[in-house]
PDB file of N, CA and C in Angstrom:
ATOM      1  N   MET A   1     -14.834   6.505 -19.195  1.00  0.00           N
ATOM      2  CA  MET A   1     -14.607   6.894 -17.819  1.00  0.00           C
ATOM      3  C   MET A   1     -13.230   7.538 -17.715  1.00  0.00           C
ATOM      4  N   THR A   2     -13.140   8.638 -16.998  1.00  0.00           N
ATOM      5  CA  THR A   2     -11.887   9.359 -16.835  1.00  0.00           C
ATOM      6  C   THR A   2     -11.362   9.147 -15.427  1.00  0.00           C
ATOM      7  N   ALA A   3     -10.077   8.857 -15.326  1.00  0.00           N
ATOM      8  CA  ALA A   3      -9.449   8.673 -14.018  1.00  0.00           C
ATOM      9  C   ALA A   3      -9.210  10.028 -13.375  1.00  0.00           C
ATOM     10  N   CYS A   4      -9.305  10.070 -12.055  1.00  0.00           N
ATOM     11  CA  CYS A   4      -9.111  11.325 -11.322  1.00  0.00           C
ATOM     12  C   CYS A   4      -7.640  11.683 -11.171  1.00  0.00           C
ATOM     13  N   ALA A   5      -6.820  10.698 -10.916  1.00  0.00           N
ATOM     14  CA  ALA A   5      -5.395  10.953 -10.683  1.00  0.00           C
ATOM     15  C   ALA A   5      -4.625  10.917 -12.002  1.00  0.00           C
ATOM     16  N   PRO A   6      -3.599  11.763 -12.130  1.00  0.00           N
ATOM     17  CA  PRO A   6      -2.796  11.724 -13.348  1.00  0.00           C
ATOM     18  C   PRO A   6      -2.008  10.414 -13.424  1.00  0.00           C
ATOM     19  N   GLN A   7      -1.754   9.964 -14.640  1.00  0.00           N
ATOM     20  CA  GLN A   7      -0.950   8.764 -14.826  1.00  0.00           C
ATOM     21  C   GLN A   7       0.519   9.176 -14.806  1.00  0.00           C
ATOM     22  N   VAL A   8       1.317   8.425 -14.071  1.00  0.00           N
ATOM     23  CA  VAL A   8       2.739   8.713 -13.954  1.00  0.00           C
ATOM     24  C   VAL A   8       3.540   7.439 -14.196  1.00  0.00           C
ATOM     25  N   GLU A   9       4.784   7.625 -14.593  1.00  0.00           N
ATOM     26  CA  GLU A   9       5.694   6.491 -14.743  1.00  0.00           C
ATOM     27  C   GLU A   9       7.117   6.957 -14.489  1.00  0.00           C
ATOM     28  N   TRP A  10       7.966   5.990 -14.142  1.00  0.00           N
ATOM     29  CA  TRP A  10       9.372   6.285 -13.906  1.00  0.00           C
ATOM     30  C   TRP A  10      10.076   6.467 -15.243  1.00  0.00           C
ATOM     31  N   VAL A  11      10.899   7.520 -15.358  1.00  0.00           N
ATOM     32  CA  VAL A  11      11.572   7.848 -16.608  1.00  0.00           C
ATOM     33  C   VAL A  11      13.055   8.091 -16.341  1.00  0.00           C
ATOM     34  N   LYS A  12      13.877   7.507 -17.221  1.00  0.00           N
ATOM     35  CA  LYS A  12      15.320   7.758 -17.217  1.00  0.00           C
ATOM     36  C   LYS A  12      15.745   7.687 -18.678  1.00  0.00           C
ATOM     37  N   THR A  13      16.168   8.804 -19.226  1.00  0.00           N
ATOM     38  CA  THR A  13      16.423   8.875 -20.663  1.00  0.00           C
ATOM     39  C   THR A  13      17.497   7.898 -21.132  1.00  0.00           C
ATOM     40  N   SER A  14      18.461   7.572 -20.278  1.00  0.00           N
ATOM     41  CA  SER A  14      19.541   6.681 -20.705  1.00  0.00           C
ATOM     42  C   SER A  14      19.192   5.195 -20.563  1.00  0.00           C
ATOM     43  N   ALA A  15      18.004   4.890 -20.057  1.00  0.00           N
ATOM     44  CA  ALA A  15      17.621   3.483 -19.852  1.00  0.00           C
ATOM     45  C   ALA A  15      16.681   3.013 -20.958  1.00  0.00           C
ATOM     46  N   SER A  16      16.890   1.787 -21.393  1.00  0.00           N
ATOM     47  CA  SER A  16      15.986   1.180 -22.368  1.00  0.00           C
ATOM     48  C   SER A  16      14.700   0.765 -21.647  1.00  0.00           C
ATOM     49  N   PRO A  17      13.612   0.536 -22.390  1.00  0.00           N
ATOM     50  CA  PRO A  17      12.382   0.054 -21.743  1.00  0.00           C
ATOM     51  C   PRO A  17      12.607  -1.243 -20.945  1.00  0.00           C
ATOM     52  N   ALA A  18      13.442  -2.125 -21.459  1.00  0.00           N
ATOM     53  CA  ALA A  18      13.732  -3.373 -20.740  1.00  0.00           C
ATOM     54  C   ALA A  18      14.465  -3.091 -19.430  1.00  0.00           C
ATOM     55  N   GLN A  19      15.414  -2.153 -19.468  1.00  0.00           N
ATOM     56  CA  GLN A  19      16.149  -1.797 -18.243  1.00  0.00           C
ATOM     57  C   GLN A  19      15.233  -1.123 -17.228  1.00  0.00           C
ATOM     58  N   GLU A  20      14.342  -0.254 -17.707  1.00  0.00           N
ATOM     59  CA  GLU A  20      13.379   0.401 -16.822  1.00  0.00           C
ATOM     60  C   GLU A  20      12.515  -0.633 -16.108  1.00  0.00           C
ATOM     61  N   ALA A  21      12.025  -1.616 -16.860  1.00  0.00           N
ATOM     62  CA  ALA A  21      11.180  -2.664 -16.279  1.00  0.00           C
ATOM     63  C   ALA A  21      11.954  -3.492 -15.253  1.00  0.00           C
ATOM     64  N   THR A  22      13.201  -3.823 -15.568  1.00  0.00           N
ATOM     65  CA  THR A  22      14.049  -4.589 -14.643  1.00  0.00           C
ATOM     66  C   THR A  22      14.313  -3.800 -13.373  1.00  0.00           C
ATOM     67  N   ASP A  23      14.685  -2.527 -13.520  1.00  0.00           N
ATOM     68  CA  ASP A  23      14.958  -1.689 -12.350  1.00  0.00           C
ATOM     69  C   ASP A  23      13.711  -1.537 -11.476  1.00  0.00           C
ATOM     70  N   GLU A  24      12.558  -1.317 -12.107  1.00  0.00           N
ATOM     71  CA  GLU A  24      11.332  -1.141 -11.335  1.00  0.00           C
ATOM     72  C   GLU A  24      10.970  -2.427 -10.578  1.00  0.00           C
ATOM     73  N   LYS A  25      11.119  -3.577 -11.227  1.00  0.00           N
ATOM     74  CA  LYS A  25      10.832  -4.853 -10.558  1.00  0.00           C
ATOM     75  C   LYS A  25      11.799  -5.075  -9.403  1.00  0.00           C
ATOM     76  N   GLN A  26      13.084  -4.832  -9.619  1.00  0.00           N
ATOM     77  CA  GLN A  26      14.065  -5.012  -8.546  1.00  0.00           C
ATOM     78  C   GLN A  26      13.771  -4.083  -7.372  1.00  0.00           C
ATOM     79  N   CYS A  27      13.471  -2.822  -7.651  1.00  0.00           N
ATOM     80  CA  CYS A  27      13.172  -1.865  -6.577  1.00  0.00           C
ATOM     81  C   CYS A  27      11.916  -2.277  -5.817  1.00  0.00           C
ATOM     82  N   ASN A  28      10.885  -2.726  -6.532  1.00  0.00           N
ATOM     83  CA  ASN A  28       9.660  -3.172  -5.862  1.00  0.00           C
ATOM     84  C   ASN A  28       9.924  -4.396  -4.996  1.00  0.00           C
ATOM     85  N   ASP A  29      10.701  -5.338  -5.502  1.00  0.00           N
ATOM     86  CA  ASP A  29      11.026  -6.544  -4.732  1.00  0.00           C
ATOM     87  C   ASP A  29      11.802  -6.186  -3.463  1.00  0.00           C
ATOM     88  N   ILE A  30      12.802  -5.328  -3.597  1.00  0.00           N
ATOM     89  CA  ILE A  30      13.604  -4.893  -2.449  1.00  0.00           C
ATOM     90  C   ILE A  30      12.707  -4.171  -1.444  1.00  0.00           C
ATOM     91  N   ALA A  31      11.856  -3.274  -1.940  1.00  0.00           N
ATOM     92  CA  ALA A  31      10.999  -2.471  -1.074  1.00  0.00           C
ATOM     93  C   ALA A  31      10.002  -3.325  -0.297  1.00  0.00           C
ATOM     94  N   TYR A  32       9.344  -4.265  -0.977  1.00  0.00           N
ATOM     95  CA  TYR A  32       8.364  -5.102  -0.281  1.00  0.00           C
ATOM     96  C   TYR A  32       9.042  -5.997   0.746  1.00  0.00           C
ATOM     97  N   ASN A  33      10.233  -6.483   0.421  1.00  0.00           N
ATOM     98  CA  ASN A  33      10.999  -7.279   1.389  1.00  0.00           C
ATOM     99  C   ASN A  33      11.328  -6.457   2.622  1.00  0.00           C
ATOM    100  N   GLU A  34      11.858  -5.257   2.406  1.00  0.00           N
ATOM    101  CA  GLU A  34      12.261  -4.390   3.512  1.00  0.00           C
ATOM    102  C   GLU A  34      11.059  -3.968   4.351  1.00  0.00           C
ATOM    103  N   ALA A  35       9.954  -3.616   3.701  1.00  0.00           N
ATOM    104  CA  ALA A  35       8.749  -3.214   4.428  1.00  0.00           C
ATOM    105  C   ALA A  35       8.222  -4.372   5.274  1.00  0.00           C
ATOM    106  N   SER A  36       8.260  -5.577   4.739  1.00  0.00           N
ATOM    107  CA  SER A  36       7.820  -6.750   5.495  1.00  0.00           C
ATOM    108  C   SER A  36       8.702  -6.976   6.715  1.00  0.00           C
ATOM    109  N   LEU A  37      10.013  -6.860   6.528  1.00  0.00           N
ATOM    110  CA  LEU A  37      10.935  -7.032   7.652  1.00  0.00           C
ATOM    111  C   LEU A  37      10.699  -5.983   8.726  1.00  0.00           C
ATOM    112  N   GLU A  38      10.478  -4.734   8.312  1.00  0.00           N
ATOM    113  CA  GLU A  38      10.213  -3.662   9.272  1.00  0.00           C
ATOM    114  C   GLU A  38       8.945  -3.943  10.065  1.00  0.00           C
ATOM    115  N   MET A  39       7.900  -4.363   9.380  1.00  0.00           N
ATOM    116  CA  MET A  39       6.637  -4.611  10.062  1.00  0.00           C
ATOM    117  C   MET A  39       6.746  -5.812  11.001  1.00  0.00           C
ATOM    118  N   MET A  40       7.434  -6.854  10.572  1.00  0.00           N
ATOM    119  CA  MET A  40       7.575  -8.040  11.415  1.00  0.00           C
ATOM    120  C   MET A  40       8.434  -7.737  12.638  1.00  0.00           C
ATOM    121  N   SER A  41       9.446  -6.892  12.490  1.00  0.00           N
ATOM    122  CA  SER A  41      10.314  -6.568  13.623  1.00  0.00           C
ATOM    123  C   SER A  41       9.615  -5.670  14.634  1.00  0.00           C
ATOM    124  N   SER A  42       8.483  -5.084  14.262  1.00  0.00           N
ATOM    125  CA  SER A  42       7.747  -4.233  15.193  1.00  0.00           C
ATOM    126  C   SER A  42       6.888  -5.061  16.148  1.00  0.00           C
ATOM    127  N   HIS A  43       6.820  -6.361  15.934  1.00  0.00           N
ATOM    128  CA  HIS A  43       6.074  -7.295  16.788  1.00  0.00           C
ATOM    129  C   HIS A  43       4.663  -6.808  17.108  1.00  0.00           C
ATOM    130  N   PRO A  44       3.821  -6.653  16.089  1.00  0.00           N
ATOM    131  CA  PRO A  44       2.466  -6.164  16.351  1.00  0.00           C
ATOM    132  C   PRO A  44       1.678  -7.140  17.217  1.00  0.00           C
ATOM    133  N   LEU A  45       0.818  -6.587  18.047  1.00  0.00           N
ATOM    134  CA  LEU A  45      -0.020  -7.412  18.912  1.00  0.00           C
ATOM    135  C   LEU A  45      -1.115  -8.105  18.104  1.00  0.00           C
ATOM    136  N   TYR A  46      -1.553  -7.483  17.040  1.00  0.00           N
ATOM    137  CA  TYR A  46      -2.580  -8.023  16.153  1.00  0.00           C
ATOM    138  C   TYR A  46      -2.518  -7.222  14.857  1.00  0.00           C
ATOM    139  N   PRO A  47      -2.989  -7.776  13.750  1.00  0.00           N
ATOM    140  CA  PRO A  47      -3.012  -6.984  12.512  1.00  0.00           C
ATOM    141  C   PRO A  47      -4.257  -6.098  12.471  1.00  0.00           C
ATOM    142  N   PRO A  48      -4.136  -4.809  12.772  1.00  0.00           N
ATOM    143  CA  PRO A  48      -5.317  -3.938  12.820  1.00  0.00           C
ATOM    144  C   PRO A  48      -5.961  -3.760  11.459  1.00  0.00           C
ATOM    145  N   GLU A  49      -7.239  -3.476  11.486  1.00  0.00           N
ATOM    146  CA  GLU A  49      -7.986  -3.267  10.246  1.00  0.00           C
ATOM    147  C   GLU A  49      -7.899  -1.831   9.761  1.00  0.00           C
ATOM    148  N   THR A  50      -7.445  -0.925  10.618  1.00  0.00           N
ATOM    149  CA  THR A  50      -7.318   0.473  10.231  1.00  0.00           C
ATOM    150  C   THR A  50      -5.861   0.885  10.311  1.00  0.00           C
ATOM    151  N   ASP A  51      -5.547   2.006   9.722  1.00  0.00           N
ATOM    152  CA  ASP A  51      -4.182   2.516   9.724  1.00  0.00           C
ATOM    153  C   ASP A  51      -3.903   3.176  11.070  1.00  0.00           C
ATOM    154  N   THR A  52      -3.428   2.371  12.008  1.00  0.00           N
ATOM    155  CA  THR A  52      -3.219   2.860  13.365  1.00  0.00           C
ATOM    156  C   THR A  52      -1.768   2.712  13.771  1.00  0.00           C
ATOM    157  N   LEU A  53      -1.435   3.344  14.864  1.00  0.00           N
ATOM    158  CA  LEU A  53      -0.164   3.107  15.534  1.00  0.00           C
ATOM    159  C   LEU A  53      -0.508   2.466  16.862  1.00  0.00           C
ATOM    160  N   TYR A  54       0.364   1.659  17.397  1.00  0.00           N
ATOM    161  CA  TYR A  54       0.059   1.001  18.656  1.00  0.00           C
ATOM    162  C   TYR A  54       1.297   0.970  19.520  1.00  0.00           C
ATOM    163  N   VAL A  55       1.118   0.716  20.773  1.00  0.00           N
ATOM    164  CA  VAL A  55       2.217   0.587  21.721  1.00  0.00           C
ATOM    165  C   VAL A  55       2.261  -0.864  22.161  1.00  0.00           C
ATOM    166  N   PRO A  56       3.412  -1.527  22.030  1.00  0.00           N
ATOM    167  CA  PRO A  56       3.492  -2.924  22.448  1.00  0.00           C
ATOM    168  C   PRO A  56       3.215  -3.088  23.934  1.00  0.00           C
ATOM    169  N   SER A  57       2.797  -4.261  24.330  1.00  0.00           N
ATOM    170  CA  SER A  57       2.512  -4.586  25.721  1.00  0.00           C
ATOM    171  C   SER A  57       3.697  -4.221  26.603  1.00  0.00           C
ATOM    172  N   GLY A  58       3.438  -3.451  27.667  1.00  0.00           N
ATOM    173  CA  GLY A  58       4.500  -3.044  28.579  1.00  0.00           C
ATOM    174  C   GLY A  58       5.267  -1.821  28.108  1.00  0.00           C
ATOM    175  N   GLY A  59       4.973  -1.332  26.925  1.00  0.00           N
ATOM    176  CA  GLY A  59       5.689  -0.168  26.397  1.00  0.00           C
ATOM    177  C   GLY A  59       4.950   1.113  26.712  1.00  0.00           C
ATOM    178  N   ASN A  60       5.516   2.204  26.296  1.00  0.00           N
ATOM    179  CA  ASN A  60       4.832   3.489  26.442  1.00  0.00           C
ATOM    180  C   ASN A  60       5.180   4.361  25.256  1.00  0.00           C
ATOM    181  N   MET A  61       4.545   5.496  25.159  1.00  0.00           N
ATOM    182  CA  MET A  61       4.730   6.366  23.996  1.00  0.00           C
ATOM    183  C   MET A  61       5.995   7.204  24.099  1.00  0.00           C
ATOM    184  N   SER A  62       6.637   7.263  25.267  1.00  0.00           N
ATOM    185  CA  SER A  62       7.848   8.068  25.391  1.00  0.00           C
ATOM    186  C   SER A  62       9.059   7.285  24.906  1.00  0.00           C
ATOM    187  N   GLY A  63      10.073   7.975  24.533  1.00  0.00           N
ATOM    188  CA  GLY A  63      11.292   7.304  24.096  1.00  0.00           C
ATOM    189  C   GLY A  63      11.246   6.906  22.642  1.00  0.00           C
ATOM    190  N   HIS A  64      10.807   5.717  22.367  1.00  0.00           N
ATOM    191  CA  HIS A  64      10.860   5.177  21.011  1.00  0.00           C
ATOM    192  C   HIS A  64       9.629   5.496  20.182  1.00  0.00           C
ATOM    193  N   GLY A  65       8.561   5.898  20.802  1.00  0.00           N
ATOM    194  CA  GLY A  65       7.360   6.245  20.061  1.00  0.00           C
ATOM    195  C   GLY A  65       6.573   5.019  19.644  1.00  0.00           C
ATOM    196  N   PRO A  66       5.436   5.215  18.998  1.00  0.00           N
ATOM    197  CA  PRO A  66       4.582   4.110  18.597  1.00  0.00           C
ATOM    198  C   PRO A  66       5.205   3.309  17.468  1.00  0.00           C
ATOM    199  N   LYS A  67       4.775   2.088  17.345  1.00  0.00           N
ATOM    200  CA  LYS A  67       5.251   1.208  16.272  1.00  0.00           C
ATOM    201  C   LYS A  67       4.251   1.232  15.118  1.00  0.00           C
ATOM    202  N   PRO A  68       4.720   1.087  13.893  1.00  0.00           N
ATOM    203  CA  PRO A  68       3.779   1.057  12.763  1.00  0.00           C
ATOM    204  C   PRO A  68       3.000  -0.240  12.742  1.00  0.00           C
ATOM    205  N   SER A  69       1.791  -0.197  12.228  1.00  0.00           N
ATOM    206  CA  SER A  69       0.956  -1.385  12.150  1.00  0.00           C
ATOM    207  C   SER A  69       1.135  -2.073  10.804  1.00  0.00           C
ATOM    208  N   TYR A  70       0.590  -3.276  10.683  1.00  0.00           N
ATOM    209  CA  TYR A  70       0.631  -4.002   9.415  1.00  0.00           C
ATOM    210  C   TYR A  70       0.014  -3.190   8.285  1.00  0.00           C
ATOM    211  N   SER A  71      -1.001  -2.401   8.573  1.00  0.00           N
ATOM    212  CA  SER A  71      -1.708  -1.693   7.508  1.00  0.00           C
ATOM    213  C   SER A  71      -0.852  -0.625   6.839  1.00  0.00           C
ATOM    214  N   ARG A  72       0.292  -0.284   7.426  1.00  0.00           N
ATOM    215  CA  ARG A  72       1.177   0.715   6.827  1.00  0.00           C
ATOM    216  C   ARG A  72       2.232   0.082   5.917  1.00  0.00           C
ATOM    217  N   GLU A  73       2.233  -1.237   5.804  1.00  0.00           N
ATOM    218  CA  GLU A  73       3.269  -1.921   5.034  1.00  0.00           C
ATOM    219  C   GLU A  73       3.263  -1.502   3.569  1.00  0.00           C
ATOM    220  N   GLY A  74       2.091  -1.383   2.966  1.00  0.00           N
ATOM    221  CA  GLY A  74       2.008  -0.989   1.561  1.00  0.00           C
ATOM    222  C   GLY A  74       2.545   0.411   1.320  1.00  0.00           C
ATOM    223  N   ALA A  75       2.190   1.335   2.197  1.00  0.00           N
ATOM    224  CA  ALA A  75       2.678   2.717   2.069  1.00  0.00           C
ATOM    225  C   ALA A  75       4.192   2.770   2.243  1.00  0.00           C
ATOM    226  N   ARG A  76       4.714   1.998   3.182  1.00  0.00           N
ATOM    227  CA  ARG A  76       6.164   1.974   3.410  1.00  0.00           C
ATOM    228  C   ARG A  76       6.878   1.365   2.204  1.00  0.00           C
ATOM    229  N   ALA A  77       6.316   0.310   1.628  1.00  0.00           N
ATOM    230  CA  ALA A  77       6.918  -0.318   0.452  1.00  0.00           C
ATOM    231  C   ALA A  77       6.964   0.669  -0.717  1.00  0.00           C
ATOM    232  N   TYR A  78       5.900   1.440  -0.904  1.00  0.00           N
ATOM    233  CA  TYR A  78       5.875   2.445  -1.967  1.00  0.00           C
ATOM    234  C   TYR A  78       6.974   3.481  -1.749  1.00  0.00           C
ATOM    235  N   GLU A  79       7.108   3.934  -0.512  1.00  0.00           N
ATOM    236  CA  GLU A  79       8.128   4.922  -0.170  1.00  0.00           C
ATOM    237  C   GLU A  79       9.536   4.376  -0.460  1.00  0.00           C
ATOM    238  N   LEU A  80       9.784   3.134  -0.062  1.00  0.00           N
ATOM    239  CA  LEU A  80      11.097   2.519  -0.292  1.00  0.00           C
ATOM    240  C   LEU A  80      11.368   2.289  -1.776  1.00  0.00           C
ATOM    241  N   ALA A  81      10.360   1.864  -2.523  1.00  0.00           N
ATOM    242  CA  ALA A  81      10.529   1.643  -3.961  1.00  0.00           C
ATOM    243  C   ALA A  81      10.823   2.963  -4.669  1.00  0.00           C
ATOM    244  N   SER A  82      10.142   4.019  -4.268  1.00  0.00           N
ATOM    245  CA  SER A  82      10.390   5.343  -4.863  1.00  0.00           C
ATOM    246  C   SER A  82      11.816   5.791  -4.591  1.00  0.00           C
ATOM    247  N   TYR A  83      12.271   5.600  -3.367  1.00  0.00           N
ATOM    248  CA  TYR A  83      13.641   5.963  -3.011  1.00  0.00           C
ATOM    249  C   TYR A  83      14.642   5.187  -3.870  1.00  0.00           C
ATOM    250  N   CYS A  84      14.409   3.896  -4.028  1.00  0.00           N
ATOM    251  CA  CYS A  84      15.288   3.043  -4.832  1.00  0.00           C
ATOM    252  C   CYS A  84      15.363   3.545  -6.277  1.00  0.00           C
ATOM    253  N   MET A  85      14.213   3.840  -6.872  1.00  0.00           N
ATOM    254  CA  MET A  85      14.200   4.307  -8.263  1.00  0.00           C
ATOM    255  C   MET A  85      14.919   5.653  -8.403  1.00  0.00           C
ATOM    256  N   LYS A  86      14.712   6.549  -7.446  1.00  0.00           N
ATOM    257  CA  LYS A  86      15.398   7.851  -7.494  1.00  0.00           C
ATOM    258  C   LYS A  86      16.910   7.661  -7.376  1.00  0.00           C
ATOM    259  N   GLN A  87      17.335   6.728  -6.531  1.00  0.00           N
ATOM    260  CA  GLN A  87      18.767   6.453  -6.378  1.00  0.00           C
ATOM    261  C   GLN A  87      19.366   5.893  -7.665  1.00  0.00           C
ATOM    262  N   ARG A  88      18.559   5.258  -8.475  1.00  0.00           N
ATOM    263  CA  ARG A  88      19.025   4.715  -9.756  1.00  0.00           C
ATOM    264  C   ARG A  88      18.917   5.742 -10.881  1.00  0.00           C
ATOM    265  N   GLY A  89      18.513   6.963 -10.556  1.00  0.00           N
ATOM    266  CA  GLY A  89      18.513   8.043 -11.540  1.00  0.00           C
ATOM    267  C   GLY A  89      17.196   8.278 -12.259  1.00  0.00           C
ATOM    268  N   TYR A  90      16.097   7.690 -11.773  1.00  0.00           N
ATOM    269  CA  TYR A  90      14.795   7.863 -12.417  1.00  0.00           C
ATOM    270  C   TYR A  90      14.047   9.036 -11.798  1.00  0.00           C
ATOM    271  N   THR A  91      13.149   9.617 -12.584  1.00  0.00           N
ATOM    272  CA  THR A  91      12.219  10.626 -12.081  1.00  0.00           C
ATOM    273  C   THR A  91      10.809  10.154 -12.393  1.00  0.00           C
ATOM    274  N   LEU A  92       9.868  10.523 -11.546  1.00  0.00           N
ATOM    275  CA  LEU A  92       8.465  10.162 -11.753  1.00  0.00           C
ATOM    276  C   LEU A  92       7.817  11.291 -12.531  1.00  0.00           C
ATOM    277  N   GLU A  93       7.321  10.984 -13.734  1.00  0.00           N
ATOM    278  CA  GLU A  93       6.764  12.019 -14.602  1.00  0.00           C
ATOM    279  C   GLU A  93       5.360  11.657 -15.043  1.00  0.00           C
ATOM    280  N   GLN A  94       4.558  12.710 -15.211  1.00  0.00           N
ATOM    281  CA  GLN A  94       3.193  12.515 -15.684  1.00  0.00           C
ATOM    282  C   GLN A  94       3.226  12.166 -17.167  1.00  0.00           C
ATOM    283  N   VAL A  95       2.375  11.217 -17.554  1.00  0.00           N
ATOM    284  CA  VAL A  95       2.293  10.801 -18.959  1.00  0.00           C
ATOM    285  C   VAL A  95       0.860  10.983 -19.445  1.00  0.00           C
ATOM    286  N   ALA A  96       0.720  11.068 -20.754  1.00  0.00           N
ATOM    287  CA  ALA A  96      -0.616  11.206 -21.335  1.00  0.00           C
ATOM    288  C   ALA A  96      -1.408   9.926 -21.101  1.00  0.00           C
ATOM    289  N   PRO A  97      -2.686  10.052 -20.796  1.00  0.00           N
ATOM    290  CA  PRO A  97      -3.514   8.858 -20.576  1.00  0.00           C
ATOM    291  C   PRO A  97      -3.567   7.990 -21.828  1.00  0.00           C
ATOM    292  N   ARG A  98      -3.546   6.707 -21.631  1.00  0.00           N
ATOM    293  CA  ARG A  98      -3.658   5.770 -22.758  1.00  0.00           C
ATOM    294  C   ARG A  98      -5.112   5.611 -23.125  1.00  0.00           C
ATOM    295  N   GLN A  99      -5.377   5.620 -24.388  1.00  0.00           N
ATOM    296  CA  GLN A  99      -6.740   5.478 -24.884  1.00  0.00           C
ATOM    297  C   GLN A  99      -7.114   4.007 -24.987  1.00  0.00           C
ATOM    298  N   ALA A 100      -8.278   3.665 -24.486  1.00  0.00           N
ATOM    299  CA  ALA A 100      -8.760   2.280 -24.619  1.00  0.00           C
ATOM    300  C   ALA A 100      -9.122   2.049 -26.077  1.00  0.00           C
ATOM    301  N   GLY A 101      -8.735   0.928 -26.564  1.00  0.00           N
ATOM    302  CA  GLY A 101      -8.974   0.718 -27.983  1.00  0.00           C
ATOM    303  C   GLY A 101      -9.639  -0.485 -28.250  1.00  0.00           C
TER     304      GLY A 101
END
């Protein structure tokens, strides 16, 4: 079976494989923490099943705009983790697919 999306990984020539793994874990941990805090501070009325935006009770769409829903937490965490890795000097590069053996 062939995957549709290309395989990618974070690369930094001056980092050892152990350092790359440590940096990626730290960035993911920071990102998921931050995304959770952002979602919790938005005070959602309920956790929607679809990727929606909502307006809190008594609010309106003018001024501050809609708040993100719980379903956007994963996408936000990915965005934050990517930013963290780029700040540490990594680039996301396509790699050759690994053969199942």
